[in-house]
Amino acid sequence: MERHADDRDAAQSQSIQRIRNELSSRLRQRSGEIEATIFARILASGETPELEDAEYTAGLKTAIRQAVDLGITSIEQGPEWNPPVPPGMAIQAQRAARSGVSLDAVLRRYATGDRIVGEFIVEEADRFPGHVIGQVMKSRGPLVDALMAQASTHDVREFERMSRSPEKRQSDLVGERLAG
């Protein structure tokens, strides 16, 4: 009897994975639309004077693209997956601090992106069993929390780096280069 239960559990797990893969595929097909929606909402927030800087804008678009890809991949991989923060997101968090973008604004942008991805998942939800969509929605929270924590860490480090005297920064830079 136990073997039948194990077989049933394995089949259910494969079914859930198949659904996750199909949902991810559908979202990947819409990733350009998701990215554009996130960028448009950030623009609509009115907190974007730094977007006059072409490098900042390009970095923001890269970070959005990497975040969307990471979010979709996390749906495929499941809630146990613990990926590293994509480099473009880390660089953009530092660039935001250097550009004077408040940490509060950065975190609101992360929350905006999370909500928009959630909206796109909901748009696809009628094609999939509700309990799987529920699992997907719940499993996104820890990833978003981790990304926001990383953004905060990068912001603090960049602020500390910028607050040191120019002489100290130059000394640190020389030391880093000599160290390797």
N, C-alpha and C. Protein backbone atom coordinates (compact mmCIF):
# COMPACT_ATOMS: atom_id res chain seq x y z
N MET A 1 0.82 -1.20 0.00
CA MET A 1 0.00 0.00 0.00
C MET A 1 0.86 1.27 0.00
N GLU A 2 1.96 1.21 0.76
CA GLU A 2 2.84 2.37 0.86
C GLU A 2 3.47 2.70 -0.49
N ARG A 3 3.78 1.66 -1.26
CA ARG A 3 4.38 1.88 -2.57
C ARG A 3 3.42 2.64 -3.49
N HIS A 4 2.14 2.33 -3.43
CA HIS A 4 1.16 3.04 -4.26
C HIS A 4 1.08 4.50 -3.86
N ALA A 5 1.18 4.77 -2.58
CA ALA A 5 1.16 6.16 -2.11
C ALA A 5 2.40 6.90 -2.61
N ASP A 6 3.56 6.22 -2.57
CA ASP A 6 4.79 6.82 -3.09
C ASP A 6 4.68 7.09 -4.58
N ASP A 7 4.11 6.15 -5.33
CA ASP A 7 3.92 6.32 -6.77
C ASP A 7 2.97 7.50 -7.04
N ARG A 8 1.92 7.59 -6.25
CA ARG A 8 0.95 8.68 -6.40
C ARG A 8 1.62 10.02 -6.10
N ASP A 9 2.43 10.08 -5.04
CA ASP A 9 3.15 11.30 -4.69
C ASP A 9 4.12 11.71 -5.79
N ALA A 10 4.82 10.73 -6.35
CA ALA A 10 5.77 11.01 -7.44
C ALA A 10 5.04 11.53 -8.67
N ALA A 11 3.91 10.92 -8.98
CA ALA A 11 3.13 11.36 -10.14
C ALA A 11 2.59 12.77 -9.92
N GLN A 12 2.12 13.04 -8.70
CA GLN A 12 1.61 14.38 -8.39
C GLN A 12 2.73 15.41 -8.48
N SER A 13 3.90 15.07 -7.97
CA SER A 13 5.05 15.96 -8.03
C SER A 13 5.44 16.26 -9.48
N GLN A 14 5.43 15.23 -10.32
CA GLN A 14 5.74 15.44 -11.74
C GLN A 14 4.68 16.31 -12.40
N SER A 15 3.43 16.11 -12.01
CA SER A 15 2.35 16.91 -12.56
C SER A 15 2.50 18.38 -12.17
N ILE A 16 2.82 18.61 -10.91
CA ILE A 16 3.03 19.99 -10.44
C ILE A 16 4.21 20.61 -11.18
N GLN A 17 5.29 19.85 -11.36
CA GLN A 17 6.45 20.38 -12.08
C GLN A 17 6.08 20.69 -13.53
N ARG A 18 5.30 19.84 -14.16
CA ARG A 18 4.87 20.07 -15.53
C ARG A 18 4.06 21.37 -15.62
N ILE A 19 3.19 21.59 -14.64
CA ILE A 19 2.38 22.81 -14.61
C ILE A 19 3.27 24.03 -14.40
N ARG A 20 4.23 23.93 -13.48
CA ARG A 20 5.18 25.03 -13.25
C ARG A 20 5.93 25.35 -14.54
N ASN A 21 6.38 24.31 -15.24
CA ASN A 21 7.11 24.51 -16.49
C ASN A 21 6.23 25.19 -17.54
N GLU A 22 4.99 24.76 -17.64
CA GLU A 22 4.09 25.35 -18.63
C GLU A 22 3.78 26.81 -18.29
N LEU A 23 3.53 27.09 -17.01
CA LEU A 23 3.29 28.47 -16.58
C LEU A 23 4.53 29.32 -16.88
N SER A 24 5.69 28.81 -16.57
CA SER A 24 6.94 29.55 -16.83
C SER A 24 7.09 29.83 -18.31
N SER A 25 6.78 28.84 -19.13
CA SER A 25 6.89 29.02 -20.58
C SER A 25 5.96 30.13 -21.06
N ARG A 26 4.75 30.12 -20.57
CA ARG A 26 3.78 31.15 -20.96
C ARG A 26 4.26 32.53 -20.52
N LEU A 27 4.81 32.62 -19.31
CA LEU A 27 5.31 33.91 -18.82
C LEU A 27 6.55 34.36 -19.60
N ARG A 28 7.41 33.41 -19.98
CA ARG A 28 8.59 33.77 -20.79
C ARG A 28 8.16 34.36 -22.13
N GLN A 29 7.10 33.80 -22.70
CA GLN A 29 6.60 34.34 -23.96
C GLN A 29 6.13 35.79 -23.80
N ARG A 30 5.76 36.15 -22.59
CA ARG A 30 5.25 37.49 -22.31
C ARG A 30 6.27 38.36 -21.57
N SER A 31 7.50 37.88 -21.45
CA SER A 31 8.48 38.59 -20.62
C SER A 31 8.73 40.02 -21.11
N GLY A 32 8.76 40.24 -22.41
CA GLY A 32 8.93 41.60 -22.92
C GLY A 32 7.80 42.52 -22.46
N GLU A 33 6.60 42.00 -22.48
CA GLU A 33 5.43 42.75 -22.02
C GLU A 33 5.51 43.00 -20.51
N ILE A 34 5.94 42.00 -19.76
CA ILE A 34 6.09 42.16 -18.31
C ILE A 34 7.13 43.24 -18.01
N GLU A 35 8.28 43.17 -18.68
CA GLU A 35 9.34 44.15 -18.46
C GLU A 35 8.87 45.56 -18.81
N ALA A 36 8.19 45.71 -19.93
CA ALA A 36 7.70 47.02 -20.35
C ALA A 36 6.69 47.58 -19.35
N THR A 37 5.85 46.71 -18.82
CA THR A 37 4.85 47.14 -17.84
C THR A 37 5.53 47.62 -16.55
N ILE A 38 6.53 46.89 -16.11
CA ILE A 38 7.26 47.31 -14.90
C ILE A 38 7.93 48.66 -15.14
N PHE A 39 8.61 48.80 -16.26
CA PHE A 39 9.30 50.06 -16.55
C PHE A 39 8.30 51.21 -16.62
N ALA A 40 7.17 50.99 -17.28
CA ALA A 40 6.14 52.03 -17.39
C ALA A 40 5.61 52.43 -16.02
N ARG A 41 5.40 51.47 -15.13
CA ARG A 41 4.90 51.79 -13.79
C ARG A 41 5.94 52.58 -13.00
N ILE A 42 7.21 52.23 -13.19
CA ILE A 42 8.27 53.00 -12.51
C ILE A 42 8.25 54.44 -13.01
N LEU A 43 8.12 54.62 -14.32
CA LEU A 43 8.04 55.97 -14.88
C LEU A 43 6.83 56.71 -14.34
N ALA A 44 5.72 56.01 -14.26
CA ALA A 44 4.47 56.64 -13.79
C ALA A 44 4.53 57.04 -12.32
N SER A 45 5.47 56.47 -11.58
CA SER A 45 5.57 56.80 -10.16
C SER A 45 5.99 58.25 -9.94
N GLY A 46 6.63 58.83 -10.94
CA GLY A 46 7.07 60.22 -10.82
C GLY A 46 8.37 60.39 -10.05
N GLU A 47 8.93 59.30 -9.57
CA GLU A 47 10.17 59.36 -8.79
C GLU A 47 11.35 58.94 -9.66
N THR A 48 11.48 59.57 -10.80
CA THR A 48 12.48 59.08 -11.75
C THR A 48 13.37 60.15 -12.37
N PRO A 49 13.78 61.17 -11.64
CA PRO A 49 14.65 62.16 -12.28
C PRO A 49 15.97 61.56 -12.76
N GLU A 50 16.42 60.48 -12.13
CA GLU A 50 17.68 59.85 -12.52
C GLU A 50 17.59 59.20 -13.90
N LEU A 51 16.39 59.04 -14.43
CA LEU A 51 16.25 58.40 -15.73
C LEU A 51 16.68 59.30 -16.89
N GLU A 52 17.06 60.53 -16.57
CA GLU A 52 17.65 61.40 -17.60
C GLU A 52 19.06 60.93 -17.93
N ASP A 53 19.64 60.11 -17.07
CA ASP A 53 20.98 59.54 -17.27
C ASP A 53 20.82 58.24 -18.07
N ALA A 54 21.38 58.23 -19.29
CA ALA A 54 21.21 57.08 -20.17
C ALA A 54 21.80 55.80 -19.57
N GLU A 55 22.93 55.92 -18.87
CA GLU A 55 23.55 54.73 -18.25
C GLU A 55 22.64 54.17 -17.16
N TYR A 56 22.06 55.05 -16.37
CA TYR A 56 21.15 54.60 -15.31
C TYR A 56 19.94 53.90 -15.92
N THR A 57 19.37 54.50 -16.94
CA THR A 57 18.18 53.93 -17.59
C THR A 57 18.48 52.55 -18.18
N ALA A 58 19.62 52.44 -18.87
CA ALA A 58 20.01 51.15 -19.45
C ALA A 58 20.21 50.12 -18.34
N GLY A 59 20.84 50.53 -17.24
CA GLY A 59 21.05 49.62 -16.12
C GLY A 59 19.75 49.19 -15.48
N LEU A 60 18.80 50.12 -15.38
CA LEU A 60 17.49 49.79 -14.82
C LEU A 60 16.77 48.77 -15.69
N LYS A 61 16.83 48.97 -17.00
CA LYS A 61 16.18 48.02 -17.91
C LYS A 61 16.84 46.64 -17.82
N THR A 62 18.16 46.61 -17.68
CA THR A 62 18.86 45.33 -17.52
C THR A 62 18.44 44.66 -16.22
N ALA A 63 18.38 45.44 -15.14
CA ALA A 63 17.98 44.88 -13.84
C ALA A 63 16.55 44.34 -13.90
N ILE A 64 15.66 45.07 -14.56
CA ILE A 64 14.28 44.59 -14.70
C ILE A 64 14.26 43.28 -15.48
N ARG A 65 14.98 43.23 -16.59
CA ARG A 65 15.02 42.01 -17.40
C ARG A 65 15.54 40.83 -16.58
N GLN A 66 16.62 41.05 -15.82
CA GLN A 66 17.18 39.97 -15.01
C GLN A 66 16.23 39.57 -13.89
N ALA A 67 15.55 40.53 -13.30
CA ALA A 67 14.61 40.21 -12.22
C ALA A 67 13.43 39.40 -12.75
N VAL A 68 12.91 39.78 -13.91
CA VAL A 68 11.79 39.03 -14.50
C VAL A 68 12.23 37.61 -14.83
N ASP A 69 13.41 37.49 -15.43
CA ASP A 69 13.93 36.16 -15.76
C ASP A 69 14.11 35.33 -14.49
N LEU A 70 14.66 35.94 -13.47
CA LEU A 70 14.86 35.24 -12.20
C LEU A 70 13.52 34.79 -11.61
N GLY A 71 12.54 35.66 -11.65
CA GLY A 71 11.22 35.31 -11.13
C GLY A 71 10.58 34.16 -11.88
N ILE A 72 10.70 34.18 -13.19
CA ILE A 72 10.13 33.10 -14.00
C ILE A 72 10.89 31.80 -13.75
N THR A 73 12.20 31.88 -13.69
CA THR A 73 13.00 30.68 -13.42
C THR A 73 12.67 30.12 -12.04
N SER A 74 12.40 30.99 -11.08
CA SER A 74 12.06 30.50 -9.74
C SER A 74 10.74 29.72 -9.75
N ILE A 75 9.83 30.07 -10.64
CA ILE A 75 8.58 29.32 -10.77
C ILE A 75 8.90 27.91 -11.26
N GLU A 76 9.77 27.82 -12.25
CA GLU A 76 10.19 26.51 -12.78
C GLU A 76 10.90 25.68 -11.72
N GLN A 77 11.80 26.30 -11.01
CA GLN A 77 12.67 25.57 -10.08
C GLN A 77 11.97 25.19 -8.78
N GLY A 78 10.97 25.93 -8.39
CA GLY A 78 10.25 25.61 -7.17
C GLY A 78 10.75 26.40 -5.96
N PRO A 79 10.05 26.28 -4.86
CA PRO A 79 10.32 27.14 -3.70
C PRO A 79 11.65 26.87 -3.01
N GLU A 80 12.27 25.72 -3.22
CA GLU A 80 13.53 25.43 -2.55
C GLU A 80 14.72 26.08 -3.25
N TRP A 81 14.53 26.55 -4.47
CA TRP A 81 15.62 27.13 -5.26
C TRP A 81 16.08 28.43 -4.63
N ASN A 82 17.38 28.58 -4.46
CA ASN A 82 17.95 29.76 -3.83
C ASN A 82 19.06 30.32 -4.73
N PRO A 83 18.69 31.12 -5.71
CA PRO A 83 19.68 31.59 -6.69
C PRO A 83 20.49 32.78 -6.18
N PRO A 84 21.64 33.00 -6.79
CA PRO A 84 22.36 34.24 -6.49
C PRO A 84 21.66 35.42 -7.14
N VAL A 85 21.91 36.60 -6.63
CA VAL A 85 21.35 37.81 -7.23
C VAL A 85 22.06 38.06 -8.55
N PRO A 86 21.32 38.27 -9.62
CA PRO A 86 21.97 38.54 -10.90
C PRO A 86 22.84 39.80 -10.82
N PRO A 87 23.97 39.79 -11.51
CA PRO A 87 24.91 40.91 -11.40
C PRO A 87 24.32 42.26 -11.79
N GLY A 88 23.48 42.29 -12.81
CA GLY A 88 22.89 43.56 -13.23
C GLY A 88 22.02 44.18 -12.15
N MET A 89 21.36 43.34 -11.36
CA MET A 89 20.54 43.85 -10.26
C MET A 89 21.41 44.44 -9.16
N ALA A 90 22.51 43.76 -8.85
CA ALA A 90 23.41 44.25 -7.80
C ALA A 90 24.06 45.57 -8.24
N ILE A 91 24.51 45.62 -9.48
CA ILE A 91 25.14 46.84 -10.00
C ILE A 91 24.14 47.99 -10.00
N GLN A 92 22.90 47.70 -10.38
CA GLN A 92 21.89 48.77 -10.42
C GLN A 92 21.57 49.28 -9.03
N ALA A 93 21.57 48.40 -8.03
CA ALA A 93 21.32 48.86 -6.66
C ALA A 93 22.43 49.83 -6.23
N GLN A 94 23.66 49.54 -6.58
CA GLN A 94 24.77 50.44 -6.26
C GLN A 94 24.64 51.74 -7.05
N ARG A 95 24.30 51.63 -8.33
CA ARG A 95 24.15 52.81 -9.18
C ARG A 95 23.04 53.71 -8.64
N ALA A 96 21.96 53.10 -8.16
CA ALA A 96 20.85 53.89 -7.60
C ALA A 96 21.33 54.69 -6.40
N ALA A 97 22.11 54.06 -5.53
CA ALA A 97 22.63 54.78 -4.35
C ALA A 97 23.52 55.94 -4.79
N ARG A 98 24.40 55.69 -5.75
CA ARG A 98 25.29 56.76 -6.25
C ARG A 98 24.50 57.89 -6.90
N SER A 99 23.37 57.55 -7.50
CA SER A 99 22.56 58.55 -8.20
C SER A 99 21.62 59.29 -7.26
N GLY A 100 21.63 58.94 -5.99
CA GLY A 100 20.78 59.62 -5.03
C GLY A 100 19.37 59.09 -4.95
N VAL A 101 19.10 57.94 -5.53
CA VAL A 101 17.78 57.33 -5.43
C VAL A 101 17.65 56.74 -4.03
N SER A 102 16.60 57.10 -3.34
CA SER A 102 16.43 56.62 -1.97
C SER A 102 16.21 55.10 -1.94
N LEU A 103 16.65 54.49 -0.87
CA LEU A 103 16.41 53.06 -0.69
C LEU A 103 14.92 52.78 -0.70
N ASP A 104 14.15 53.66 -0.12
CA ASP A 104 12.70 53.51 -0.11
C ASP A 104 12.15 53.41 -1.53
N ALA A 105 12.62 54.28 -2.43
CA ALA A 105 12.16 54.25 -3.82
C ALA A 105 12.60 52.95 -4.50
N VAL A 106 13.83 52.50 -4.24
CA VAL A 106 14.32 51.25 -4.83
C VAL A 106 13.45 50.08 -4.38
N LEU A 107 13.17 50.02 -3.09
CA LEU A 107 12.37 48.91 -2.56
C LEU A 107 10.93 48.95 -3.10
N ARG A 108 10.39 50.16 -3.27
CA ARG A 108 9.05 50.27 -3.87
C ARG A 108 9.07 49.76 -5.30
N ARG A 109 10.17 49.97 -6.01
CA ARG A 109 10.29 49.46 -7.38
C ARG A 109 10.31 47.94 -7.39
N TYR A 110 11.01 47.35 -6.42
CA TYR A 110 11.01 45.88 -6.32
C TYR A 110 9.59 45.39 -6.05
N ALA A 111 8.89 46.07 -5.13
CA ALA A 111 7.53 45.67 -4.80
C ALA A 111 6.61 45.82 -6.02
N THR A 112 6.82 46.89 -6.78
CA THR A 112 6.04 47.10 -8.01
C THR A 112 6.27 45.94 -8.99
N GLY A 113 7.53 45.58 -9.18
CA GLY A 113 7.84 44.47 -10.08
C GLY A 113 7.20 43.18 -9.62
N ASP A 114 7.25 42.93 -8.31
CA ASP A 114 6.63 41.72 -7.76
C ASP A 114 5.13 41.71 -8.01
N ARG A 115 4.48 42.83 -7.78
CA ARG A 115 3.03 42.91 -8.02
C ARG A 115 2.70 42.67 -9.48
N ILE A 116 3.49 43.24 -10.38
CA ILE A 116 3.20 43.09 -11.80
C ILE A 116 3.39 41.64 -12.24
N VAL A 117 4.45 41.01 -11.81
CA VAL A 117 4.63 39.59 -12.14
C VAL A 117 3.44 38.80 -11.60
N GLY A 118 3.01 39.11 -10.39
CA GLY A 118 1.83 38.46 -9.82
C GLY A 118 0.58 38.67 -10.67
N GLU A 119 0.42 39.88 -11.21
CA GLU A 119 -0.73 40.17 -12.07
C GLU A 119 -0.69 39.29 -13.33
N PHE A 120 0.49 39.12 -13.89
CA PHE A 120 0.61 38.28 -15.09
C PHE A 120 0.36 36.80 -14.75
N ILE A 121 0.78 36.37 -13.57
CA ILE A 121 0.49 34.99 -13.15
C ILE A 121 -1.02 34.80 -13.03
N VAL A 122 -1.69 35.78 -12.43
CA VAL A 122 -3.14 35.70 -12.27
C VAL A 122 -3.82 35.65 -13.64
N GLU A 123 -3.31 36.41 -14.61
CA GLU A 123 -3.89 36.37 -15.95
C GLU A 123 -3.79 34.98 -16.58
N GLU A 124 -2.78 34.22 -16.20
CA GLU A 124 -2.59 32.87 -16.73
C GLU A 124 -3.28 31.81 -15.86
N ALA A 125 -3.77 32.19 -14.71
CA ALA A 125 -4.23 31.25 -13.69
C ALA A 125 -5.37 30.35 -14.13
N ASP A 126 -6.25 30.85 -14.99
CA ASP A 126 -7.41 30.03 -15.36
C ASP A 126 -7.03 28.79 -16.16
N ARG A 127 -5.80 28.69 -16.62
CA ARG A 127 -5.34 27.53 -17.38
C ARG A 127 -4.79 26.42 -16.48
N PHE A 128 -4.65 26.71 -15.19
CA PHE A 128 -3.95 25.80 -14.28
C PHE A 128 -4.76 25.57 -13.01
N PRO A 129 -4.48 24.44 -12.34
CA PRO A 129 -5.18 24.18 -11.07
C PRO A 129 -4.88 25.26 -10.03
N GLY A 130 -5.90 25.67 -9.33
CA GLY A 130 -5.77 26.74 -8.35
C GLY A 130 -4.75 26.47 -7.27
N HIS A 131 -4.65 25.21 -6.82
CA HIS A 131 -3.71 24.92 -5.73
C HIS A 131 -2.26 25.12 -6.18
N VAL A 132 -1.97 24.86 -7.46
CA VAL A 132 -0.60 25.06 -7.96
C VAL A 132 -0.31 26.55 -8.09
N ILE A 133 -1.27 27.31 -8.58
CA ILE A 133 -1.09 28.77 -8.67
C ILE A 133 -0.90 29.33 -7.27
N GLY A 134 -1.66 28.83 -6.30
CA GLY A 134 -1.49 29.26 -4.91
C GLY A 134 -0.08 28.99 -4.41
N GLN A 135 0.45 27.81 -4.72
CA GLN A 135 1.82 27.47 -4.31
C GLN A 135 2.82 28.41 -4.97
N VAL A 136 2.62 28.68 -6.25
CA VAL A 136 3.53 29.58 -6.97
C VAL A 136 3.50 30.96 -6.34
N MET A 137 2.32 31.47 -6.07
CA MET A 137 2.20 32.81 -5.49
C MET A 137 2.88 32.87 -4.12
N LYS A 138 2.67 31.85 -3.30
CA LYS A 138 3.28 31.84 -1.96
C LYS A 138 4.79 31.71 -2.03
N SER A 139 5.28 30.94 -2.99
CA SER A 139 6.72 30.67 -3.04
C SER A 139 7.52 31.86 -3.55
N ARG A 140 6.88 32.86 -4.12
CA ARG A 140 7.60 34.02 -4.64
C ARG A 140 8.07 34.95 -3.53
N GLY A 141 7.37 34.96 -2.41
CA GLY A 141 7.68 35.90 -1.33
C GLY A 141 9.11 35.84 -0.82
N PRO A 142 9.61 34.66 -0.46
CA PRO A 142 10.98 34.60 0.06
C PRO A 142 12.03 35.09 -0.94
N LEU A 143 11.83 34.82 -2.22
CA LEU A 143 12.78 35.30 -3.23
C LEU A 143 12.76 36.82 -3.28
N VAL A 144 11.59 37.41 -3.31
CA VAL A 144 11.48 38.87 -3.36
C VAL A 144 12.08 39.48 -2.10
N ASP A 145 11.81 38.87 -0.95
CA ASP A 145 12.41 39.35 0.30
C ASP A 145 13.93 39.33 0.23
N ALA A 146 14.49 38.24 -0.30
CA ALA A 146 15.94 38.11 -0.41
C ALA A 146 16.50 39.17 -1.36
N LEU A 147 15.82 39.41 -2.47
CA LEU A 147 16.28 40.43 -3.42
C LEU A 147 16.24 41.82 -2.79
N MET A 148 15.19 42.10 -2.04
CA MET A 148 15.09 43.40 -1.38
C MET A 148 16.17 43.55 -0.31
N ALA A 149 16.45 42.49 0.40
CA ALA A 149 17.52 42.54 1.41
C ALA A 149 18.86 42.81 0.75
N GLN A 150 19.10 42.16 -0.39
CA GLN A 150 20.35 42.40 -1.12
C GLN A 150 20.43 43.84 -1.61
N ALA A 151 19.33 44.37 -2.12
CA ALA A 151 19.32 45.76 -2.58
C ALA A 151 19.64 46.70 -1.42
N SER A 152 19.09 46.41 -0.27
CA SER A 152 19.36 47.22 0.92
C SER A 152 20.83 47.15 1.31
N THR A 153 21.39 45.95 1.27
CA THR A 153 22.81 45.77 1.60
C THR A 153 23.69 46.55 0.63
N HIS A 154 23.39 46.45 -0.66
CA HIS A 154 24.18 47.19 -1.65
C HIS A 154 24.05 48.69 -1.45
N ASP A 155 22.86 49.15 -1.11
CA ASP A 155 22.64 50.57 -0.87
C ASP A 155 23.48 51.05 0.32
N VAL A 156 23.45 50.30 1.41
CA VAL A 156 24.21 50.69 2.61
C VAL A 156 25.71 50.71 2.31
N ARG A 157 26.19 49.67 1.63
CA ARG A 157 27.62 49.61 1.31
C ARG A 157 28.04 50.77 0.41
N GLU A 158 27.22 51.07 -0.56
CA GLU A 158 27.57 52.16 -1.48
C GLU A 158 27.54 53.50 -0.75
N PHE A 159 26.55 53.69 0.11
CA PHE A 159 26.48 54.92 0.89
C PHE A 159 27.71 55.06 1.79
N GLU A 160 28.11 53.96 2.43
CA GLU A 160 29.31 53.99 3.28
C GLU A 160 30.54 54.30 2.45
N ARG A 161 30.64 53.70 1.28
CA ARG A 161 31.79 53.95 0.42
C ARG A 161 31.84 55.41 -0.01
N MET A 162 30.70 55.96 -0.37
CA MET A 162 30.64 57.34 -0.82
C MET A 162 30.90 58.33 0.32
N SER A 163 30.60 57.93 1.55
CA SER A 163 30.74 58.85 2.68
C SER A 163 32.17 58.93 3.20
N ARG A 164 33.03 58.02 2.78
CA ARG A 164 34.43 58.11 3.19
C ARG A 164 35.08 59.28 2.47
N SER A 165 36.13 59.81 3.06
CA SER A 165 36.83 60.94 2.45
C SER A 165 37.47 60.49 1.13
N PRO A 166 37.67 61.43 0.21
CA PRO A 166 38.33 61.06 -1.06
C PRO A 166 39.71 60.43 -0.83
N GLU A 167 40.42 60.91 0.16
CA GLU A 167 41.74 60.35 0.44
C GLU A 167 41.62 58.89 0.88
N LYS A 168 40.66 58.60 1.74
CA LYS A 168 40.46 57.25 2.24
C LYS A 168 40.01 56.34 1.10
N ARG A 169 39.12 56.84 0.24
CA ARG A 169 38.67 56.04 -0.91
C ARG A 169 39.83 55.71 -1.82
N GLN A 170 40.70 56.72 -2.07
CA GLN A 170 41.84 56.48 -2.94
C GLN A 170 42.79 55.47 -2.31
N SER A 171 43.02 55.59 -1.01
CA SER A 171 43.88 54.65 -0.30
C SER A 171 43.31 53.23 -0.36
N ASP A 172 42.00 53.12 -0.16
CA ASP A 172 41.34 51.81 -0.22
C ASP A 172 41.45 51.21 -1.62
N LEU A 173 41.26 52.06 -2.64
CA LEU A 173 41.33 51.60 -4.02
C LEU A 173 42.74 51.09 -4.35
N VAL A 174 43.74 51.83 -3.93
CA VAL A 174 45.13 51.41 -4.17
C VAL A 174 45.38 50.07 -3.45
N GLY A 175 44.90 49.95 -2.21
CA GLY A 175 45.08 48.71 -1.45
C GLY A 175 44.39 47.53 -2.13
N GLU A 176 43.19 47.76 -2.66
CA GLU A 176 42.46 46.70 -3.35
C GLU A 176 43.21 46.26 -4.62
N ARG A 177 43.73 47.24 -5.34
CA ARG A 177 44.45 46.92 -6.59
C ARG A 177 45.75 46.16 -6.28
N LEU A 178 46.44 46.59 -5.22
CA LEU A 178 47.69 45.90 -4.86
C LEU A 178 47.42 44.49 -4.36
N ALA A 179 46.26 44.30 -3.71
CA ALA A 179 45.92 42.99 -3.16
C ALA A 179 45.52 42.01 -4.27
N GLY A 180 45.16 42.53 -5.40
CA GLY A 180 44.93 41.58 -6.42
C GLY A 180 43.83 41.67 -7.32
